[in-house]
Amino acid sequence: MTSTTKPLNVLFLCTHNSARSILAEALLNGMAGDRFRAFSAGSSPRDKQQPNPLALEALQRVGISTEGLRSKSWDEFARPDAPHMDLIITVCDNAAGEVCPIWPGHPATAHWGYADPSEVEGNAEEKQAAFRKTLHAIRQRVELFINLPAAAIDKLSIQQSARDLAKR
């Protein structure tokens, strides 16, 4: 992709926007160069919610920047002045089943389901392992996604390409 080509905007959605969607946003932005631009949001983030510290720690351990990451409502991306989204990917089953806002431009959609690492009970090591496992699973799909040929991410093909990656 040349520097004059507009990046493809991808919005990752989850319920609270504190773990899986944050991981996906950071990974895509950290791995994709200028071909993609990732965002994340939640259907119902809690008041003053911040990204889960274990998610941030998992990202930092693999050298992915956590600068600027914050939990936010998907309402931010339904506003007229919000960036236009080309693809919306839900990363948790709750958000996949919720009634989403009407997105300007009718972006392509896909669902990449992951277990919620923040629900894992146990000691600190077991919780950290759950976040590493989820990070690894998301990273595998993101890597496949960013390496798709240009024809697979054109306006007509992106939805099917993104949905097919959920099967891997």
C-alpha atoms as a PDB file:
ATOM      1  CA  MET A   1       0.000   0.000   0.000  1.00  0.00           C
ATOM      2  CA  THR A   2       1.420   3.363  -0.892  1.00  0.00           C
ATOM      3  CA  SER A   3       1.466   6.332   1.433  1.00  0.00           C
ATOM      4  CA  THR A   4      -1.210   8.025  -0.707  1.00  0.00           C
ATOM      5  CA  THR A   5      -3.633   5.158  -0.184  1.00  0.00           C
ATOM      6  CA  LYS A   6      -6.027   5.623   2.691  1.00  0.00           C
ATOM      7  CA  PRO A   7      -5.649   2.957   5.397  1.00  0.00           C
ATOM      8  CA  LEU A   8      -8.505   0.569   6.042  1.00  0.00           C
ATOM      9  CA  ASN A   9     -10.228   1.496   9.325  1.00  0.00           C
ATOM     10  CA  VAL A  10     -11.107  -1.465  11.554  1.00  0.00           C
ATOM     11  CA  LEU A  11     -13.196  -1.216  14.731  1.00  0.00           C
ATOM     12  CA  PHE A  12     -12.957  -4.057  17.266  1.00  0.00           C
ATOM     13  CA  LEU A  13     -15.990  -4.353  19.537  1.00  0.00           C
ATOM     14  CA  CYS A  14     -16.474  -6.069  22.864  1.00  0.00           C
ATOM     15  CA  THR A  15     -18.790  -5.509  25.807  1.00  0.00           C
ATOM     16  CA  HIS A  16     -16.561  -3.517  28.181  1.00  0.00           C
ATOM     17  CA  ASN A  17     -13.658  -2.585  25.886  1.00  0.00           C
ATOM     18  CA  SER A  18     -11.098  -3.545  28.504  1.00  0.00           C
ATOM     19  CA  ALA A  19      -9.392  -6.722  27.284  1.00  0.00           C
ATOM     20  CA  ARG A  20     -10.025  -8.509  23.954  1.00  0.00           C
ATOM     21  CA  SER A  21     -10.926  -5.458  21.859  1.00  0.00           C
ATOM     22  CA  ILE A  22      -8.034  -3.498  23.398  1.00  0.00           C
ATOM     23  CA  LEU A  23      -5.637  -6.347  22.572  1.00  0.00           C
ATOM     24  CA  ALA A  24      -6.908  -6.477  18.981  1.00  0.00           C
ATOM     25  CA  GLU A  25      -6.671  -2.696  18.495  1.00  0.00           C
ATOM     26  CA  ALA A  26      -3.105  -2.544  19.788  1.00  0.00           C
ATOM     27  CA  LEU A  27      -1.971  -5.596  17.836  1.00  0.00           C
ATOM     28  CA  LEU A  28      -3.373  -4.437  14.504  1.00  0.00           C
ATOM     29  CA  ASN A  29      -1.938  -0.944  14.944  1.00  0.00           C
ATOM     30  CA  GLY A  30       1.404  -2.365  16.030  1.00  0.00           C
ATOM     31  CA  MET A  31       1.682  -4.920  13.254  1.00  0.00           C
ATOM     32  CA  ALA A  32      -0.012  -3.388  10.206  1.00  0.00           C
ATOM     33  CA  GLY A  33       2.104  -0.397   9.346  1.00  0.00           C
ATOM     34  CA  ASP A  34       0.106   2.134   7.340  1.00  0.00           C
ATOM     35  CA  ARG A  35      -2.186  -0.393   5.631  1.00  0.00           C
ATOM     36  CA  PHE A  36      -4.727  -0.514   8.484  1.00  0.00           C
ATOM     37  CA  ARG A  37      -5.793   1.722  11.344  1.00  0.00           C
ATOM     38  CA  ALA A  38      -7.460   0.029  14.308  1.00  0.00           C
ATOM     39  CA  PHE A  39      -9.851   1.320  16.929  1.00  0.00           C
ATOM     40  CA  SER A  40     -11.767  -0.407  19.714  1.00  0.00           C
ATOM     41  CA  ALA A  41     -14.925   0.230  21.682  1.00  0.00           C
ATOM     42  CA  GLY A  42     -17.450  -1.450  23.918  1.00  0.00           C
ATOM     43  CA  SER A  43     -21.210  -1.704  23.971  1.00  0.00           C
ATOM     44  CA  SER A  44     -21.312  -0.939  27.688  1.00  0.00           C
ATOM     45  CA  PRO A  45     -17.987   0.090  29.194  1.00  0.00           C
ATOM     46  CA  ARG A  46     -18.238   0.809  32.892  1.00  0.00           C
ATOM     47  CA  ASP A  47     -17.892   4.362  34.221  1.00  0.00           C
ATOM     48  CA  LYS A  48     -14.234   5.391  34.374  1.00  0.00           C
ATOM     49  CA  GLN A  49     -13.226   1.951  33.125  1.00  0.00           C
ATOM     50  CA  GLN A  50      -9.642   1.558  32.005  1.00  0.00           C
ATOM     51  CA  PRO A  51      -8.075  -1.215  29.963  1.00  0.00           C
ATOM     52  CA  ASN A  52      -7.401  -4.284  32.066  1.00  0.00           C
ATOM     53  CA  PRO A  53      -3.866  -3.993  33.510  1.00  0.00           C
ATOM     54  CA  LEU A  54      -3.166  -7.623  32.545  1.00  0.00           C
ATOM     55  CA  ALA A  55      -4.048  -6.818  28.919  1.00  0.00           C
ATOM     56  CA  LEU A  56      -1.642  -3.891  28.940  1.00  0.00           C
ATOM     57  CA  GLU A  57       1.044  -6.035  30.553  1.00  0.00           C
ATOM     58  CA  ALA A  58       0.597  -8.785  27.941  1.00  0.00           C
ATOM     59  CA  LEU A  59       0.975  -6.245  25.123  1.00  0.00           C
ATOM     60  CA  GLN A  60       4.063  -4.667  26.676  1.00  0.00           C
ATOM     61  CA  ARG A  61       5.692  -8.087  27.091  1.00  0.00           C
ATOM     62  CA  VAL A  62       5.548  -8.624  23.320  1.00  0.00           C
ATOM     63  CA  GLY A  63       6.708  -5.105  22.497  1.00  0.00           C
ATOM     64  CA  ILE A  64       3.363  -3.644  21.413  1.00  0.00           C
ATOM     65  CA  SER A  65       2.727  -0.036  22.421  1.00  0.00           C
ATOM     66  CA  THR A  66      -0.088   0.642  24.875  1.00  0.00           C
ATOM     67  CA  GLU A  67       0.129   4.414  24.526  1.00  0.00           C
ATOM     68  CA  GLY A  68      -3.261   6.051  24.089  1.00  0.00           C
ATOM     69  CA  LEU A  69      -5.301   2.921  24.783  1.00  0.00           C
ATOM     70  CA  ARG A  70      -8.488   3.637  26.679  1.00  0.00           C
ATOM     71  CA  SER A  71     -11.895   2.055  27.210  1.00  0.00           C
ATOM     72  CA  LYS A  72     -14.633   3.824  25.281  1.00  0.00           C
ATOM     73  CA  SER A  73     -18.233   3.392  24.176  1.00  0.00           C
ATOM     74  CA  TRP A  74     -19.095   2.406  20.637  1.00  0.00           C
ATOM     75  CA  ASP A  75     -21.268   5.542  20.577  1.00  0.00           C
ATOM     76  CA  GLU A  76     -18.057   7.512  19.871  1.00  0.00           C
ATOM     77  CA  PHE A  77     -17.827   5.794  16.499  1.00  0.00           C
ATOM     78  CA  ALA A  78     -21.465   6.342  15.522  1.00  0.00           C
ATOM     79  CA  ARG A  79     -21.121  10.140  15.647  1.00  0.00           C
ATOM     80  CA  PRO A  80     -21.033  12.129  12.396  1.00  0.00           C
ATOM     81  CA  ASP A  81     -17.456  13.324  13.080  1.00  0.00           C
ATOM     82  CA  ALA A  82     -16.109   9.831  13.819  1.00  0.00           C
ATOM     83  CA  PRO A  83     -13.679   8.134  11.449  1.00  0.00           C
ATOM     84  CA  HIS A  84     -15.419   6.107   8.732  1.00  0.00           C
ATOM     85  CA  MET A  85     -15.132   2.381   9.483  1.00  0.00           C
ATOM     86  CA  ASP A  86     -14.481  -0.103   6.687  1.00  0.00           C
ATOM     87  CA  LEU A  87     -14.707  -3.213   8.859  1.00  0.00           C
ATOM     88  CA  ILE A  88     -16.219  -3.920  12.267  1.00  0.00           C
ATOM     89  CA  ILE A  89     -15.118  -7.075  14.089  1.00  0.00           C
ATOM     90  CA  THR A  90     -16.770  -8.274  17.283  1.00  0.00           C
ATOM     91  CA  VAL A  91     -14.387 -10.214  19.512  1.00  0.00           C
ATOM     92  CA  CYS A  92     -16.785 -11.420  22.180  1.00  0.00           C
ATOM     93  CA  ASP A  93     -20.018 -13.329  21.878  1.00  0.00           C
ATOM     94  CA  ASN A  94     -22.021 -10.790  23.912  1.00  0.00           C
ATOM     95  CA  ALA A  95     -21.207  -7.894  21.585  1.00  0.00           C
ATOM     96  CA  ALA A  96     -21.823 -10.081  18.529  1.00  0.00           C
ATOM     97  CA  GLY A  97     -25.410 -10.641  19.626  1.00  0.00           C
ATOM     98  CA  GLU A  98     -26.222  -7.064  20.619  1.00  0.00           C
ATOM     99  CA  VAL A  99     -28.045  -4.553  18.484  1.00  0.00           C
ATOM    100  CA  CYS A 100     -25.299  -2.307  17.159  1.00  0.00           C
ATOM    101  CA  PRO A 101     -25.619   1.316  16.145  1.00  0.00           C
ATOM    102  CA  ILE A 102     -26.230   2.053  12.495  1.00  0.00           C
ATOM    103  CA  TRP A 103     -22.731   2.620  11.198  1.00  0.00           C
ATOM    104  CA  PRO A 104     -22.247   5.297   8.540  1.00  0.00           C
ATOM    105  CA  GLY A 105     -21.282   3.785   5.209  1.00  0.00           C
ATOM    106  CA  HIS A 106     -22.485   0.279   6.171  1.00  0.00           C
ATOM    107  CA  PRO A 107     -19.064  -1.269   6.849  1.00  0.00           C
ATOM    108  CA  ALA A 108     -18.323  -4.948   6.444  1.00  0.00           C
ATOM    109  CA  THR A 109     -18.694  -7.030   9.609  1.00  0.00           C
ATOM    110  CA  ALA A 110     -17.175 -10.188  11.047  1.00  0.00           C
ATOM    111  CA  HIS A 111     -17.052 -12.031  14.357  1.00  0.00           C
ATOM    112  CA  TRP A 112     -13.825 -13.380  15.844  1.00  0.00           C
ATOM    113  CA  GLY A 113     -14.850 -14.923  19.151  1.00  0.00           C
ATOM    114  CA  TYR A 114     -12.392 -15.326  22.017  1.00  0.00           C
ATOM    115  CA  ALA A 115     -12.873 -16.447  25.610  1.00  0.00           C
ATOM    116  CA  ASP A 116     -12.708 -13.568  28.072  1.00  0.00           C
ATOM    117  CA  PRO A 117      -9.328 -13.789  29.838  1.00  0.00           C
ATOM    118  CA  SER A 118     -10.522 -11.438  32.576  1.00  0.00           C
ATOM    119  CA  GLU A 119     -13.022 -14.081  33.716  1.00  0.00           C
ATOM    120  CA  VAL A 120     -10.302 -16.627  34.485  1.00  0.00           C
ATOM    121  CA  GLU A 121     -10.072 -17.323  38.189  1.00  0.00           C
ATOM    122  CA  GLY A 122      -6.914 -18.414  39.882  1.00  0.00           C
ATOM    123  CA  ASN A 123      -3.611 -17.023  40.988  1.00  0.00           C
ATOM    124  CA  ALA A 124      -1.734 -14.208  39.254  1.00  0.00           C
ATOM    125  CA  GLU A 125       0.234 -16.614  37.064  1.00  0.00           C
ATOM    126  CA  GLU A 126      -2.941 -18.340  35.805  1.00  0.00           C
ATOM    127  CA  LYS A 127      -4.570 -14.994  35.022  1.00  0.00           C
ATOM    128  CA  GLN A 128      -1.483 -13.767  33.163  1.00  0.00           C
ATOM    129  CA  ALA A 129      -1.413 -17.029  31.194  1.00  0.00           C
ATOM    130  CA  ALA A 130      -5.032 -16.494  30.138  1.00  0.00           C
ATOM    131  CA  PHE A 131      -4.183 -13.046  28.762  1.00  0.00           C
ATOM    132  CA  ARG A 132      -1.102 -14.383  26.957  1.00  0.00           C
ATOM    133  CA  LYS A 133      -3.203 -17.149  25.403  1.00  0.00           C
ATOM    134  CA  THR A 134      -5.846 -14.686  24.186  1.00  0.00           C
ATOM    135  CA  LEU A 135      -3.180 -12.295  22.923  1.00  0.00           C
ATOM    136  CA  HIS A 136      -1.550 -15.132  20.983  1.00  0.00           C
ATOM    137  CA  ALA A 137      -4.877 -16.207  19.424  1.00  0.00           C
ATOM    138  CA  ILE A 138      -5.716 -12.657  18.357  1.00  0.00           C
ATOM    139  CA  ARG A 139      -2.184 -12.107  17.073  1.00  0.00           C
ATOM    140  CA  GLN A 140      -2.433 -15.196  14.835  1.00  0.00           C
ATOM    141  CA  ARG A 141      -5.633 -13.905  13.205  1.00  0.00           C
ATOM    142  CA  VAL A 142      -4.317 -10.356  12.887  1.00  0.00           C
ATOM    143  CA  GLU A 143      -1.172 -11.676  11.215  1.00  0.00           C
ATOM    144  CA  LEU A 144      -3.258 -13.622   8.701  1.00  0.00           C
ATOM    145  CA  PHE A 145      -5.480 -10.588   8.148  1.00  0.00           C
ATOM    146  CA  ILE A 146      -2.680  -8.121   7.443  1.00  0.00           C
ATOM    147  CA  ASN A 147      -1.084 -10.572   5.025  1.00  0.00           C
ATOM    148  CA  LEU A 148      -4.202 -11.001   2.909  1.00  0.00           C
ATOM    149  CA  PRO A 149      -3.636  -9.993  -0.709  1.00  0.00           C
ATOM    150  CA  ALA A 150      -5.026  -6.591  -1.711  1.00  0.00           C
ATOM    151  CA  ALA A 151      -7.834  -8.257  -3.693  1.00  0.00           C
ATOM    152  CA  ALA A 152      -9.083  -9.964  -0.514  1.00  0.00           C
ATOM    153  CA  ILE A 153      -9.581  -6.667   1.272  1.00  0.00           C
ATOM    154  CA  ASP A 154     -11.388  -4.693  -1.391  1.00  0.00           C
ATOM    155  CA  LYS A 155     -14.856  -3.400  -0.530  1.00  0.00           C
ATOM    156  CA  LEU A 156     -16.632  -6.469  -1.921  1.00  0.00           C
ATOM    157  CA  SER A 157     -14.337  -9.117  -0.450  1.00  0.00           C
ATOM    158  CA  ILE A 158     -13.345  -7.841   2.980  1.00  0.00           C
ATOM    159  CA  GLN A 159     -16.376  -9.145   4.852  1.00  0.00           C
ATOM    160  CA  GLN A 160     -15.969 -12.691   3.574  1.00  0.00           C
ATOM    161  CA  SER A 161     -12.193 -12.615   4.074  1.00  0.00           C
ATOM    162  CA  ALA A 162     -12.558 -11.440   7.682  1.00  0.00           C
ATOM    163  CA  ARG A 163     -15.276 -13.999   8.385  1.00  0.00           C
ATOM    164  CA  ASP A 164     -13.184 -16.806   6.913  1.00  0.00           C
ATOM    165  CA  LEU A 165     -10.370 -15.967   9.333  1.00  0.00           C
ATOM    166  CA  ALA A 166     -12.720 -16.749  12.231  1.00  0.00           C
ATOM    167  CA  LYS A 167     -12.612 -20.398  11.109  1.00  0.00           C
ATOM    168  CA  ARG A 168      -8.833 -20.587  11.619  1.00  0.00           C
END
